[in-house]
PDB file of N, CA and C in Angstrom:
ATOM      1  N   UNK A   1      13.614 210.705  65.164  1.00  0.00           N
ATOM      2  CA  UNK A   1      13.778 211.711  66.191  1.00  0.00           C
ATOM      3  C   UNK A   1      14.633 211.151  67.318  1.00  0.00           C
ATOM      4  N   UNK A   2      15.341 212.032  67.945  1.00  0.00           N
ATOM      5  CA  UNK A   2      16.143 211.628  69.080  1.00  0.00           C
ATOM      6  C   UNK A   2      15.232 211.250  70.244  1.00  0.00           C
ATOM      7  N   UNK A   3      15.670 210.291  71.056  1.00  0.00           N
ATOM      8  CA  UNK A   3      14.882 209.887  72.208  1.00  0.00           C
ATOM      9  C   UNK A   3      14.605 211.061  73.136  1.00  0.00           C
ATOM     10  N   UNK A   4      15.604 211.915  73.297  1.00  0.00           N
ATOM     11  CA  UNK A   4      15.418 213.038  74.211  1.00  0.00           C
ATOM     12  C   UNK A   4      14.361 213.986  73.664  1.00  0.00           C
ATOM     13  N   UNK A   5      14.312 214.161  72.345  1.00  0.00           N
ATOM     14  CA  UNK A   5      13.294 215.016  71.746  1.00  0.00           C
ATOM     15  C   UNK A   5      11.910 214.431  72.004  1.00  0.00           C
ATOM     16  N   UNK A   6      11.813 213.123  71.955  1.00  0.00           N
ATOM     17  CA  UNK A   6      10.527 212.464  72.133  1.00  0.00           C
ATOM     18  C   UNK A   6      10.190 212.275  73.600  1.00  0.00           C
ATOM     19  N   UNK A   7      11.201 212.427  74.477  1.00  0.00           N
ATOM     20  CA  UNK A   7      10.995 212.342  75.914  1.00  0.00           C
ATOM     21  C   UNK A   7      10.326 211.022  76.320  1.00  0.00           C
ATOM     22  N   UNK A   8      10.954 209.905  75.938  1.00  0.00           N
ATOM     23  CA  UNK A   8      10.424 208.600  76.321  1.00  0.00           C
ATOM     24  C   UNK A   8      11.389 207.928  77.282  1.00  0.00           C
ATOM     25  N   UNK A   9      10.852 207.073  78.124  1.00  0.00           N
ATOM     26  CA  UNK A   9      11.682 206.389  79.110  1.00  0.00           C
ATOM     27  C   UNK A   9      12.553 205.340  78.435  1.00  0.00           C
ATOM     28  N   UNK A  10      13.598 204.934  79.116  1.00  0.00           N
ATOM     29  CA  UNK A  10      14.485 203.908  78.559  1.00  0.00           C
ATOM     30  C   UNK A  10      13.751 202.578  78.402  1.00  0.00           C
ATOM     31  N   UNK A  11      12.824 202.287  79.290  1.00  0.00           N
ATOM     32  CA  UNK A  11      12.050 201.052  79.181  1.00  0.00           C
ATOM     33  C   UNK A  11      11.151 201.080  77.940  1.00  0.00           C
ATOM     34  N   UNK A  12      10.533 202.222  77.702  1.00  0.00           N
ATOM     35  CA  UNK A  12       9.665 202.359  76.531  1.00  0.00           C
ATOM     36  C   UNK A  12      10.500 202.296  75.253  1.00  0.00           C
ATOM     37  N   UNK A  13      11.681 202.917  75.261  1.00  0.00           N
ATOM     38  CA  UNK A  13      12.561 202.881  74.084  1.00  0.00           C
ATOM     39  C   UNK A  13      13.007 201.452  73.815  1.00  0.00           C
ATOM     40  N   UNK A  14      13.300 200.688  74.852  1.00  0.00           N
ATOM     41  CA  UNK A  14      13.710 199.292  74.673  1.00  0.00           C
ATOM     42  C   UNK A  14      12.569 198.468  74.081  1.00  0.00           C
ATOM     43  N   UNK A  15      11.362 198.683  74.555  1.00  0.00           N
ATOM     44  CA  UNK A  15      10.187 198.000  74.013  1.00  0.00           C
ATOM     45  C   UNK A  15      10.026 198.338  72.528  1.00  0.00           C
ATOM     46  N   UNK A  16      10.104 199.623  72.212  1.00  0.00           N
ATOM     47  CA  UNK A  16       9.974 200.091  70.833  1.00  0.00           C
ATOM     48  C   UNK A  16      11.075 199.491  69.953  1.00  0.00           C
ATOM     49  N   UNK A  17      12.290 199.480  70.454  1.00  0.00           N
ATOM     50  CA  UNK A  17      13.417 198.921  69.710  1.00  0.00           C
ATOM     51  C   UNK A  17      13.213 197.438  69.435  1.00  0.00           C
ATOM     52  N   UNK A  18      12.728 196.700  70.420  1.00  0.00           N
ATOM     53  CA  UNK A  18      12.465 195.275  70.220  1.00  0.00           C
ATOM     54  C   UNK A  18      11.394 195.053  69.151  1.00  0.00           C
ATOM     55  N   UNK A  19      10.372 195.878  69.148  1.00  0.00           N
ATOM     56  CA  UNK A  19       9.330 195.778  68.119  1.00  0.00           C
ATOM     57  C   UNK A  19       9.907 196.084  66.735  1.00  0.00           C
ATOM     58  N   UNK A  20      10.768 197.089  66.655  1.00  0.00           N
ATOM     59  CA  UNK A  20      11.398 197.438  65.380  1.00  0.00           C
ATOM     60  C   UNK A  20      12.308 196.308  64.895  1.00  0.00           C
ATOM     61  N   UNK A  21      13.049 195.706  65.812  1.00  0.00           N
ATOM     62  CA  UNK A  21      13.923 194.583  65.468  1.00  0.00           C
ATOM     63  C   UNK A  21      13.102 193.420  64.927  1.00  0.00           C
ATOM     64  N   UNK A  22      12.017 193.108  65.593  1.00  0.00           N
ATOM     65  CA  UNK A  22      11.140 192.033  65.116  1.00  0.00           C
ATOM     66  C   UNK A  22      10.589 192.357  63.731  1.00  0.00           C
ATOM     67  N   UNK A  23      10.193 193.606  63.520  1.00  0.00           N
ATOM     68  CA  UNK A  23       9.619 194.012  62.236  1.00  0.00           C
ATOM     69  C   UNK A  23      10.649 193.906  61.112  1.00  0.00           C
ATOM     70  N   UNK A  24      11.872 194.347  61.364  1.00  0.00           N
ATOM     71  CA  UNK A  24      12.924 194.249  60.342  1.00  0.00           C
ATOM     72  C   UNK A  24      13.196 192.791  60.018  1.00  0.00           C
ATOM     73  N   UNK A  25      13.334 191.963  61.040  1.00  0.00           N
ATOM     74  CA  UNK A  25      13.603 190.540  60.822  1.00  0.00           C
ATOM     75  C   UNK A  25      12.476 189.884  60.031  1.00  0.00           C
ATOM     76  N   UNK A  26      11.246 190.150  60.420  1.00  0.00           N
ATOM     77  CA  UNK A  26      10.089 189.560  59.741  1.00  0.00           C
ATOM     78  C   UNK A  26       9.997 190.027  58.285  1.00  0.00           C
ATOM     79  N   UNK A  27      10.268 191.302  58.053  1.00  0.00           N
ATOM     80  CA  UNK A  27      10.200 191.854  56.700  1.00  0.00           C
ATOM     81  C   UNK A  27      11.241 191.209  55.791  1.00  0.00           C
ATOM     82  N   UNK A  28      12.434 190.999  56.307  1.00  0.00           N
ATOM     83  CA  UNK A  28      13.479 190.347  55.514  1.00  0.00           C
ATOM     84  C   UNK A  28      13.008 188.974  55.048  1.00  0.00           C
ATOM     85  N   UNK A  29      12.410 188.217  55.945  1.00  0.00           N
ATOM     86  CA  UNK A  29      11.936 186.867  55.608  1.00  0.00           C
ATOM     87  C   UNK A  29      10.728 186.930  54.672  1.00  0.00           C
ATOM     88  N   UNK A  30       9.759 187.786  54.978  1.00  0.00           N
ATOM     89  CA  UNK A  30       8.559 187.872  54.142  1.00  0.00           C
ATOM     90  C   UNK A  30       8.888 188.253  52.704  1.00  0.00           C
ATOM     91  N   UNK A  31       9.823 189.173  52.537  1.00  0.00           N
ATOM     92  CA  UNK A  31      10.158 189.647  51.197  1.00  0.00           C
ATOM     93  C   UNK A  31      11.276 188.844  50.543  1.00  0.00           C
ATOM     94  N   UNK A  32      11.879 187.912  51.286  1.00  0.00           N
ATOM     95  CA  UNK A  32      12.958 187.110  50.722  1.00  0.00           C
ATOM     96  C   UNK A  32      14.154 187.955  50.318  1.00  0.00           C
ATOM     97  N   UNK A  33      14.514 188.909  51.178  1.00  0.00           N
ATOM     98  CA  UNK A  33      15.577 189.860  50.827  1.00  0.00           C
ATOM     99  C   UNK A  33      16.785 189.759  51.752  1.00  0.00           C
ATOM    100  N   UNK A  34      17.028 188.595  52.305  1.00  0.00           N
ATOM    101  CA  UNK A  34      18.177 188.409  53.196  1.00  0.00           C
ATOM    102  C   UNK A  34      19.464 188.670  52.416  1.00  0.00           C
ATOM    103  N   UNK A  35      20.268 189.608  52.902  1.00  0.00           N
ATOM    104  CA  UNK A  35      21.521 189.948  52.250  1.00  0.00           C
ATOM    105  C   UNK A  35      21.369 190.852  51.040  1.00  0.00           C
ATOM    106  N   UNK A  36      20.163 191.360  50.805  1.00  0.00           N
ATOM    107  CA  UNK A  36      19.883 192.157  49.605  1.00  0.00           C
ATOM    108  C   UNK A  36      19.635 193.625  49.927  1.00  0.00           C
ATOM    109  N   UNK A  37      19.095 193.926  51.102  1.00  0.00           N
ATOM    110  CA  UNK A  37      18.640 195.280  51.409  1.00  0.00           C
ATOM    111  C   UNK A  37      19.365 195.870  52.616  1.00  0.00           C
ATOM    112  N   UNK A  38      19.331 197.185  52.704  1.00  0.00           N
ATOM    113  CA  UNK A  38      19.880 197.913  53.851  1.00  0.00           C
ATOM    114  C   UNK A  38      18.785 198.125  54.890  1.00  0.00           C
ATOM    115  N   UNK A  39      19.179 198.525  56.081  1.00  0.00           N
ATOM    116  CA  UNK A  39      18.195 198.864  57.114  1.00  0.00           C
ATOM    117  C   UNK A  39      17.274 199.964  56.595  1.00  0.00           C
ATOM    118  N   UNK A  40      17.846 200.951  55.953  1.00  0.00           N
ATOM    119  CA  UNK A  40      17.060 202.058  55.420  1.00  0.00           C
ATOM    120  C   UNK A  40      16.015 201.571  54.423  1.00  0.00           C
ATOM    121  N   UNK A  41      16.390 200.656  53.542  1.00  0.00           N
ATOM    122  CA  UNK A  41      15.449 200.125  52.551  1.00  0.00           C
ATOM    123  C   UNK A  41      14.350 199.286  53.201  1.00  0.00           C
ATOM    124  N   UNK A  42      14.717 198.527  54.211  1.00  0.00           N
ATOM    125  CA  UNK A  42      13.724 197.690  54.896  1.00  0.00           C
ATOM    126  C   UNK A  42      12.730 198.557  55.658  1.00  0.00           C
ATOM    127  N   UNK A  43      13.232 199.553  56.348  1.00  0.00           N
ATOM    128  CA  UNK A  43      12.336 200.480  57.048  1.00  0.00           C
ATOM    129  C   UNK A  43      11.455 201.210  56.030  1.00  0.00           C
ATOM    130  N   UNK A  44      12.011 201.542  54.876  1.00  0.00           N
ATOM    131  CA  UNK A  44      11.228 202.160  53.810  1.00  0.00           C
ATOM    132  C   UNK A  44      10.098 201.258  53.337  1.00  0.00           C
ATOM    133  N   UNK A  45      10.380 199.963  53.208  1.00  0.00           N
ATOM    134  CA  UNK A  45       9.342 199.002  52.813  1.00  0.00           C
ATOM    135  C   UNK A  45       8.245 198.938  53.865  1.00  0.00           C
ATOM    136  N   UNK A  46       8.640 198.955  55.133  1.00  0.00           N
ATOM    137  CA  UNK A  46       7.653 198.962  56.212  1.00  0.00           C
ATOM    138  C   UNK A  46       6.810 200.235  56.182  1.00  0.00           C
ATOM    139  N   UNK A  47       7.439 201.368  55.907  1.00  0.00           N
ATOM    140  CA  UNK A  47       6.699 202.629  55.805  1.00  0.00           C
ATOM    141  C   UNK A  47       5.740 202.588  54.618  1.00  0.00           C
ATOM    142  N   UNK A  48       6.196 202.050  53.488  1.00  0.00           N
ATOM    143  CA  UNK A  48       5.314 201.913  52.314  1.00  0.00           C
ATOM    144  C   UNK A  48       4.115 201.027  52.644  1.00  0.00           C
ATOM    145  N   UNK A  49       4.365 199.942  53.370  1.00  0.00           N
ATOM    146  CA  UNK A  49       3.275 199.039  53.757  1.00  0.00           C
ATOM    147  C   UNK A  49       2.299 199.753  54.686  1.00  0.00           C
ATOM    148  N   UNK A  50       2.831 200.569  55.577  1.00  0.00           N
ATOM    149  CA  UNK A  50       1.984 201.326  56.500  1.00  0.00           C
ATOM    150  C   UNK A  50       1.063 202.284  55.732  1.00  0.00           C
ATOM    151  N   UNK A  51       1.617 202.959  54.731  1.00  0.00           N
ATOM    152  CA  UNK A  51       0.814 203.879  53.923  1.00  0.00           C
ATOM    153  C   UNK A  51      -0.245 203.106  53.141  1.00  0.00           C
ATOM    154  N   UNK A  52       0.185 202.055  52.457  1.00  0.00           N
ATOM    155  CA  UNK A  52      -0.743 201.290  51.627  1.00  0.00           C
ATOM    156  C   UNK A  52      -1.846 200.632  52.459  1.00  0.00           C
ATOM    157  N   UNK A  53      -1.477 200.125  53.621  1.00  0.00           N
ATOM    158  CA  UNK A  53      -2.457 199.454  54.481  1.00  0.00           C
ATOM    159  C   UNK A  53      -3.341 200.444  55.245  1.00  0.00           C
ATOM    160  N   UNK A  54      -2.930 201.701  55.255  1.00  0.00           N
ATOM    161  CA  UNK A  54      -3.626 202.719  56.037  1.00  0.00           C
ATOM    162  C   UNK A  54      -3.744 202.299  57.494  1.00  0.00           C
ATOM    163  N   UNK A  55      -2.607 201.831  58.014  1.00  0.00           N
ATOM    164  CA  UNK A  55      -2.548 201.333  59.386  1.00  0.00           C
ATOM    165  C   UNK A  55      -1.313 201.941  60.035  1.00  0.00           C
ATOM    166  N   UNK A  56      -1.495 202.901  60.902  1.00  0.00           N
ATOM    167  CA  UNK A  56      -0.372 203.603  61.519  1.00  0.00           C
ATOM    168  C   UNK A  56       0.280 202.780  62.617  1.00  0.00           C
ATOM    169  N   UNK A  57       1.590 202.593  62.487  1.00  0.00           N
ATOM    170  CA  UNK A  57       2.314 201.876  63.546  1.00  0.00           C
ATOM    171  C   UNK A  57       3.750 202.375  63.715  1.00  0.00           C
ATOM    172  N   UNK A  58       4.088 203.517  63.155  1.00  0.00           N
ATOM    173  CA  UNK A  58       5.361 204.158  63.453  1.00  0.00           C
ATOM    174  C   UNK A  58       6.462 204.023  62.424  1.00  0.00           C
ATOM    175  N   UNK A  59       6.268 203.263  61.371  1.00  0.00           N
ATOM    176  CA  UNK A  59       7.344 203.072  60.403  1.00  0.00           C
ATOM    177  C   UNK A  59       7.557 204.290  59.519  1.00  0.00           C
ATOM    178  N   UNK A  60       6.496 205.039  59.254  1.00  0.00           N
ATOM    179  CA  UNK A  60       6.653 206.273  58.472  1.00  0.00           C
ATOM    180  C   UNK A  60       7.549 207.233  59.236  1.00  0.00           C
ATOM    181  N   UNK A  61       7.267 207.397  60.511  1.00  0.00           N
ATOM    182  CA  UNK A  61       8.083 208.271  61.356  1.00  0.00           C
ATOM    183  C   UNK A  61       9.527 207.763  61.424  1.00  0.00           C
ATOM    184  N   UNK A  62       9.694 206.461  61.613  1.00  0.00           N
ATOM    185  CA  UNK A  62      11.039 205.880  61.687  1.00  0.00           C
ATOM    186  C   UNK A  62      11.789 206.085  60.385  1.00  0.00           C
ATOM    187  N   UNK A  63      11.102 205.999  59.254  1.00  0.00           N
ATOM    188  CA  UNK A  63      11.784 206.145  57.963  1.00  0.00           C
ATOM    189  C   UNK A  63      12.401 207.524  57.787  1.00  0.00           C
ATOM    190  N   UNK A  64      11.917 208.501  58.524  1.00  0.00           N
ATOM    191  CA  UNK A  64      12.424 209.875  58.436  1.00  0.00           C
ATOM    192  C   UNK A  64      13.487 210.174  59.491  1.00  0.00           C
ATOM    193  N   UNK A  65      13.713 209.269  60.410  1.00  0.00           N
ATOM    194  CA  UNK A  65      14.611 209.493  61.551  1.00  0.00           C
ATOM    195  C   UNK A  65      15.958 208.800  61.308  1.00  0.00           C
ATOM    196  N   UNK A  66      16.865 209.514  60.666  1.00  0.00           N
ATOM    197  CA  UNK A  66      18.146 208.917  60.277  1.00  0.00           C
ATOM    198  C   UNK A  66      18.934 208.363  61.465  1.00  0.00           C
ATOM    199  N   UNK A  67      19.018 209.113  62.541  1.00  0.00           N
ATOM    200  CA  UNK A  67      19.788 208.667  63.706  1.00  0.00           C
ATOM    201  C   UNK A  67      19.160 207.417  64.326  1.00  0.00           C
ATOM    202  N   UNK A  68      17.859 207.376  64.379  1.00  0.00           N
ATOM    203  CA  UNK A  68      17.173 206.223  64.960  1.00  0.00           C
ATOM    204  C   UNK A  68      17.374 204.974  64.085  1.00  0.00           C
ATOM    205  N   UNK A  69      17.395 205.152  62.767  1.00  0.00           N
ATOM    206  CA  UNK A  69      17.663 204.009  61.883  1.00  0.00           C
ATOM    207  C   UNK A  69      19.092 203.517  62.056  1.00  0.00           C
ATOM    208  N   UNK A  70      20.039 204.442  62.223  1.00  0.00           N
ATOM    209  CA  UNK A  70      21.425 204.034  62.482  1.00  0.00           C
ATOM    210  C   UNK A  70      21.508 203.245  63.784  1.00  0.00           C
ATOM    211  N   UNK A  71      20.802 203.722  64.810  1.00  0.00           N
ATOM    212  CA  UNK A  71      20.786 203.024  66.096  1.00  0.00           C
ATOM    213  C   UNK A  71      20.168 201.641  65.956  1.00  0.00           C
ATOM    214  N   UNK A  72      19.107 201.529  65.176  1.00  0.00           N
ATOM    215  CA  UNK A  72      18.471 200.236  64.933  1.00  0.00           C
ATOM    216  C   UNK A  72      19.450 199.275  64.276  1.00  0.00           C
ATOM    217  N   UNK A  73      20.164 199.729  63.260  1.00  0.00           N
ATOM    218  CA  UNK A  73      21.176 198.881  62.612  1.00  0.00           C
ATOM    219  C   UNK A  73      22.262 198.462  63.579  1.00  0.00           C
ATOM    220  N   UNK A  74      22.718 199.403  64.389  1.00  0.00           N
ATOM    221  CA  UNK A  74      23.741 199.104  65.397  1.00  0.00           C
ATOM    222  C   UNK A  74      23.238 198.036  66.367  1.00  0.00           C
ATOM    223  N   UNK A  75      22.018 198.182  66.846  1.00  0.00           N
ATOM    224  CA  UNK A  75      21.449 197.223  67.803  1.00  0.00           C
ATOM    225  C   UNK A  75      21.257 195.841  67.170  1.00  0.00           C
ATOM    226  N   UNK A  76      20.852 195.804  65.912  1.00  0.00           N
ATOM    227  CA  UNK A  76      20.704 194.516  65.222  1.00  0.00           C
ATOM    228  C   UNK A  76      22.024 193.755  65.201  1.00  0.00           C
ATOM    229  N   UNK A  77      23.114 194.463  64.924  1.00  0.00           N
ATOM    230  CA  UNK A  77      24.444 193.839  64.900  1.00  0.00           C
ATOM    231  C   UNK A  77      24.900 193.498  66.311  1.00  0.00           C
ATOM    232  N   UNK A  78      24.771 194.454  67.231  1.00  0.00           N
ATOM    233  CA  UNK A  78      25.217 194.269  68.619  1.00  0.00           C
ATOM    234  C   UNK A  78      24.553 193.057  69.274  1.00  0.00           C
ATOM    235  N   UNK A  79      23.277 192.849  68.969  1.00  0.00           N
ATOM    236  CA  UNK A  79      22.528 191.732  69.556  1.00  0.00           C
ATOM    237  C   UNK A  79      22.722 190.424  68.796  1.00  0.00           C
ATOM    238  N   UNK A  80      23.573 190.449  67.775  1.00  0.00           N
ATOM    239  CA  UNK A  80      23.889 189.237  67.036  1.00  0.00           C
ATOM    240  C   UNK A  80      22.766 188.737  66.143  1.00  0.00           C
ATOM    241  N   UNK A  81      21.887 189.643  65.707  1.00  0.00           N
ATOM    242  CA  UNK A  81      20.737 189.250  64.897  1.00  0.00           C
ATOM    243  C   UNK A  81      20.999 189.366  63.402  1.00  0.00           C
ATOM    244  N   UNK A  82      21.960 190.213  63.027  1.00  0.00           N
ATOM    245  CA  UNK A  82      22.336 190.366  61.626  1.00  0.00           C
ATOM    246  C   UNK A  82      23.842 190.558  61.516  1.00  0.00           C
ATOM    247  N   UNK A  83      24.326 190.312  60.319  1.00  0.00           N
ATOM    248  CA  UNK A  83      25.663 190.743  59.943  1.00  0.00           C
ATOM    249  C   UNK A  83      25.468 191.752  58.819  1.00  0.00           C
ATOM    250  N   UNK A  84      26.457 192.591  58.630  1.00  0.00           N
ATOM    251  CA  UNK A  84      26.377 193.574  57.557  1.00  0.00           C
ATOM    252  C   UNK A  84      27.497 193.290  56.575  1.00  0.00           C
ATOM    253  N   UNK A  85      27.108 193.109  55.330  1.00  0.00           N
ATOM    254  CA  UNK A  85      28.050 192.870  54.235  1.00  0.00           C
ATOM    255  C   UNK A  85      27.866 194.011  53.259  1.00  0.00           C
ATOM    256  N   UNK A  86      28.878 194.893  53.178  1.00  0.00           N
ATOM    257  CA  UNK A  86      28.657 196.163  52.479  1.00  0.00           C
ATOM    258  C   UNK A  86      27.706 196.943  53.357  1.00  0.00           C
ATOM    259  N   UNK A  87      26.614 197.401  52.829  1.00  0.00           N
ATOM    260  CA  UNK A  87      25.574 198.037  53.639  1.00  0.00           C
ATOM    261  C   UNK A  87      24.369 197.116  53.782  1.00  0.00           C
ATOM    262  N   UNK A  88      24.415 195.956  53.148  1.00  0.00           N
ATOM    263  CA  UNK A  88      23.290 195.015  53.152  1.00  0.00           C
ATOM    264  C   UNK A  88      23.316 194.185  54.432  1.00  0.00           C
ATOM    265  N   UNK A  89      22.127 193.890  54.972  1.00  0.00           N
ATOM    266  CA  UNK A  89      22.081 193.107  56.198  1.00  0.00           C
ATOM    267  C   UNK A  89      21.634 191.680  55.903  1.00  0.00           C
ATOM    268  N   UNK A  90      22.224 190.772  56.658  1.00  0.00           N
ATOM    269  CA  UNK A  90      21.927 189.348  56.512  1.00  0.00           C
ATOM    270  C   UNK A  90      21.594 188.807  57.899  1.00  0.00           C
ATOM    271  N   UNK A  91      20.484 188.094  57.989  1.00  0.00           N
ATOM    272  CA  UNK A  91      20.056 187.538  59.274  1.00  0.00           C
ATOM    273  C   UNK A  91      20.977 186.417  59.737  1.00  0.00           C
ATOM    274  N   UNK A  92      21.268 186.405  61.021  1.00  0.00           N
ATOM    275  CA  UNK A  92      21.932 185.267  61.641  1.00  0.00           C
ATOM    276  C   UNK A  92      20.836 184.275  62.040  1.00  0.00           C
ATOM    277  N   UNK A  93      21.222 183.142  62.602  1.00  0.00           N
ATOM    278  CA  UNK A  93      20.215 182.191  63.079  1.00  0.00           C
ATOM    279  C   UNK A  93      19.326 182.842  64.144  1.00  0.00           C
ATOM    280  N   UNK A  94      19.936 183.634  65.022  1.00  0.00           N
ATOM    281  CA  UNK A  94      19.147 184.327  66.053  1.00  0.00           C
ATOM    282  C   UNK A  94      18.182 185.326  65.412  1.00  0.00           C
ATOM    283  N   UNK A  95      18.603 185.994  64.359  1.00  0.00           N
ATOM    284  CA  UNK A  95      17.729 186.924  63.647  1.00  0.00           C
ATOM    285  C   UNK A  95      16.580 186.209  62.964  1.00  0.00           C
ATOM    286  N   UNK A  96      16.866 185.031  62.436  1.00  0.00           N
ATOM    287  CA  UNK A  96      15.803 184.242  61.801  1.00  0.00           C
ATOM    288  C   UNK A  96      14.770 183.815  62.833  1.00  0.00           C
ATOM    289  N   UNK A  97      15.224 183.524  64.044  1.00  0.00           N
ATOM    290  CA  UNK A  97      14.282 183.192  65.124  1.00  0.00           C
ATOM    291  C   UNK A  97      13.366 184.368  65.426  1.00  0.00           C
ATOM    292  N   UNK A  98      13.916 185.586  65.416  1.00  0.00           N
ATOM    293  CA  UNK A  98      13.099 186.780  65.685  1.00  0.00           C
ATOM    294  C   UNK A  98      12.087 187.023  64.575  1.00  0.00           C
ATOM    295  N   UNK A  99      12.355 186.518  63.394  1.00  0.00           N
ATOM    296  CA  UNK A  99      11.467 186.726  62.241  1.00  0.00           C
ATOM    297  C   UNK A  99      10.148 185.974  62.383  1.00  0.00           C
ATOM    298  N   UNK A 100      10.039 185.116  63.383  1.00  0.00           N
ATOM    299  CA  UNK A 100       8.806 184.369  63.595  1.00  0.00           C
ATOM    300  C   UNK A 100       7.704 185.177  64.256  1.00  0.00           C
ATOM    301  N   UNK A 101       8.033 186.377  64.705  1.00  0.00           N
ATOM    302  CA  UNK A 101       7.038 187.229  65.350  1.00  0.00           C
ATOM    303  C   UNK A 101       6.243 187.949  64.264  1.00  0.00           C
ATOM    304  N   UNK A 102       4.941 187.690  64.207  1.00  0.00           N
ATOM    305  CA  UNK A 102       4.100 188.299  63.173  1.00  0.00           C
ATOM    306  C   UNK A 102       3.956 189.797  63.374  1.00  0.00           C
ATOM    307  N   UNK A 103       3.838 190.482  62.256  1.00  0.00           N
ATOM    308  CA  UNK A 103       3.533 191.910  62.251  1.00  0.00           C
ATOM    309  C   UNK A 103       2.017 192.082  62.332  1.00  0.00           C
ATOM    310  N   UNK A 104       1.549 193.303  62.578  1.00  0.00           N
ATOM    311  CA  UNK A 104       0.098 193.515  62.507  1.00  0.00           C
ATOM    312  C   UNK A 104      -0.430 192.983  61.169  1.00  0.00           C
ATOM    313  N   UNK A 105      -1.582 192.362  61.192  1.00  0.00           N
ATOM    314  CA  UNK A 105      -2.134 191.704  60.011  1.00  0.00           C
ATOM    315  C   UNK A 105      -2.154 192.612  58.792  1.00  0.00           C
ATOM    316  N   UNK A 106      -2.546 193.855  58.961  1.00  0.00           N
ATOM    317  CA  UNK A 106      -2.632 194.776  57.829  1.00  0.00           C
ATOM    318  C   UNK A 106      -1.259 194.994  57.181  1.00  0.00           C
ATOM    319  N   UNK A 107      -0.223 195.121  58.007  1.00  0.00           N
ATOM    320  CA  UNK A 107       1.136 195.351  57.499  1.00  0.00           C
ATOM    321  C   UNK A 107       1.661 194.073  56.853  1.00  0.00           C
ATOM    322  N   UNK A 108       1.481 192.963  57.511  1.00  0.00           N
ATOM    323  CA  UNK A 108       1.983 191.690  56.982  1.00  0.00           C
ATOM    324  C   UNK A 108       1.326 191.362  55.637  1.00  0.00           C
ATOM    325  N   UNK A 109       0.028 191.540  55.538  1.00  0.00           N
ATOM    326  CA  UNK A 109      -0.684 191.269  54.288  1.00  0.00           C
ATOM    327  C   UNK A 109      -0.169 192.175  53.169  1.00  0.00           C
ATOM    328  N   UNK A 110       0.038 193.426  53.486  1.00  0.00           N
ATOM    329  CA  UNK A 110       0.540 194.365  52.485  1.00  0.00           C
ATOM    330  C   UNK A 110       1.955 194.007  52.061  1.00  0.00           C
ATOM    331  N   UNK A 111       2.815 193.674  53.001  1.00  0.00           N
ATOM    332  CA  UNK A 111       4.181 193.279  52.645  1.00  0.00           C
ATOM    333  C   UNK A 111       4.170 192.054  51.735  1.00  0.00           C
ATOM    334  N   UNK A 112       3.315 191.106  52.017  1.00  0.00           N
ATOM    335  CA  UNK A 112       3.230 189.903  51.175  1.00  0.00           C
ATOM    336  C   UNK A 112       2.826 190.249  49.738  1.00  0.00           C
ATOM    337  N   UNK A 113       2.111 191.342  49.565  1.00  0.00           N
ATOM    338  CA  UNK A 113       1.676 191.749  48.225  1.00  0.00           C
ATOM    339  C   UNK A 113       2.788 192.433  47.439  1.00  0.00           C
ATOM    340  N   UNK A 114       3.922 192.690  48.078  1.00  0.00           N
ATOM    341  CA  UNK A 114       5.011 193.416  47.425  1.00  0.00           C
ATOM    342  C   UNK A 114       5.871 192.540  46.528  1.00  0.00           C
ATOM    343  N   UNK A 115       5.449 191.334  46.206  1.00  0.00           N
ATOM    344  CA  UNK A 115       6.118 190.485  45.225  1.00  0.00           C
ATOM    345  C   UNK A 115       7.610 190.299  45.527  1.00  0.00           C
ATOM    346  N   UNK A 116       7.898 189.831  46.727  1.00  0.00           N
ATOM    347  CA  UNK A 116       9.291 189.542  47.072  1.00  0.00           C
ATOM    348  C   UNK A 116      10.182 190.745  47.088  1.00  0.00           C
ATOM    349  N   UNK A 117       9.607 191.916  47.224  1.00  0.00           N
ATOM    350  CA  UNK A 117      10.413 193.127  47.324  1.00  0.00           C
ATOM    351  C   UNK A 117      10.879 193.658  45.985  1.00  0.00           C
ATOM    352  N   UNK A 118      10.586 192.970  44.893  1.00  0.00           N
ATOM    353  CA  UNK A 118      11.102 193.407  43.597  1.00  0.00           C
ATOM    354  C   UNK A 118      10.614 194.805  43.222  1.00  0.00           C
ATOM    355  N   UNK A 119       9.425 195.184  43.640  1.00  0.00           N
ATOM    356  CA  UNK A 119       8.966 196.515  43.315  1.00  0.00           C
ATOM    357  C   UNK A 119       9.560 197.571  44.244  1.00  0.00           C
ATOM    358  N   UNK A 120      10.259 197.137  45.284  1.00  0.00           N
ATOM    359  CA  UNK A 120      10.806 198.079  46.257  1.00  0.00           C
ATOM    360  C   UNK A 120      12.282 198.354  46.059  1.00  0.00           C
ATOM    361  N   UNK A 121      13.037 197.364  45.573  1.00  0.00           N
ATOM    362  CA  UNK A 121      14.498 197.526  45.526  1.00  0.00           C
ATOM    363  C   UNK A 121      15.030 197.477  44.108  1.00  0.00           C
TER     364      UNK A 121
END
């Protein structure tokens, strides 16, 4: 959804964006998919984990918001956290540093059960 539709402040959007960036970075490392997946696929994996874990944290909603996912990809590149090769994203050293931030336990445990992403991609 567009920020204006959701009527959130710029500070709240920045907080949310930082959490999403951390989640994408962490998911890439947990699943061992650096340079293998697109932003859309990674957000999809997070949404799948949210459903399986039965723990709501916004990834299902994000997976349906095309413009917001495009913005997330843009911000990942702009902040120097990933490079894009084709449509696949690859973490930079700065992105790998962001991957150290743990996800909620329920999501992280579920992602670890996804067998390196092979069942997702």
